[in-house]
């Protein structure tokens, strides 16, 4: 089952558990206070499931990213959008000993309250996350993900498909910067720094370039 399908199952189970807990607490409270527990109360369970589903969906899509809600410690930091930054590779050419020059890259973050997915875009390839999450370590908010990198066809001879992992610290509230490192199964590693963000979501490298160019010049 795909991760999205697993999440849907978990959400449905959580909603039904919440409704069951509410019904049980209400019934127990009524019984303790001396009121008779009526079976017809249960007919409102389906309505409760519907209401909680609507509230859950609204929170997942919008409420969690409201500025006032973002200040609640347990709410995930909002990092949605396309980030522009720089990749610094530590790899050296074994023949010449030269390092790879820093390059401009874009990190596209699709995010809801309970899910996050990333795509790192360069002029040569895309790295899509297979598993991603936001966590709080001590006082630091950290984005961590595993990814599969697929180069464009014309670069495959010198840059094969590979897996890797990335850890980025999130700075600012609202988020202003992402900084961290990456590792790959090709024994390469490096650093990533992002300090510019657009709320729009880019599809590819040219689209990302155009988004930032238009925002810098005031065009939509």
Foldseek 3Di string as FASTA:
>chain_A
DAPVVVVVVVVLVVLLVVLVVVLVVVQVVCVVVPHDRDPCVCVCSVVSSVVVVVVVVCQFAPVLQPLVNCPPVVFAADPAFKWKWKWFWPDADPPPRDGDDIAIKIKHWDGTRVDIWIWIADPWKIWTFRDWDWDQDPNWIKIKTKTWIDTDPVCCVPDPIWIKMWIWTFDDRNTAKTKTKMAIPVRIITIIITGDGDNHGADHDVRVVVVVVCVVVVHD
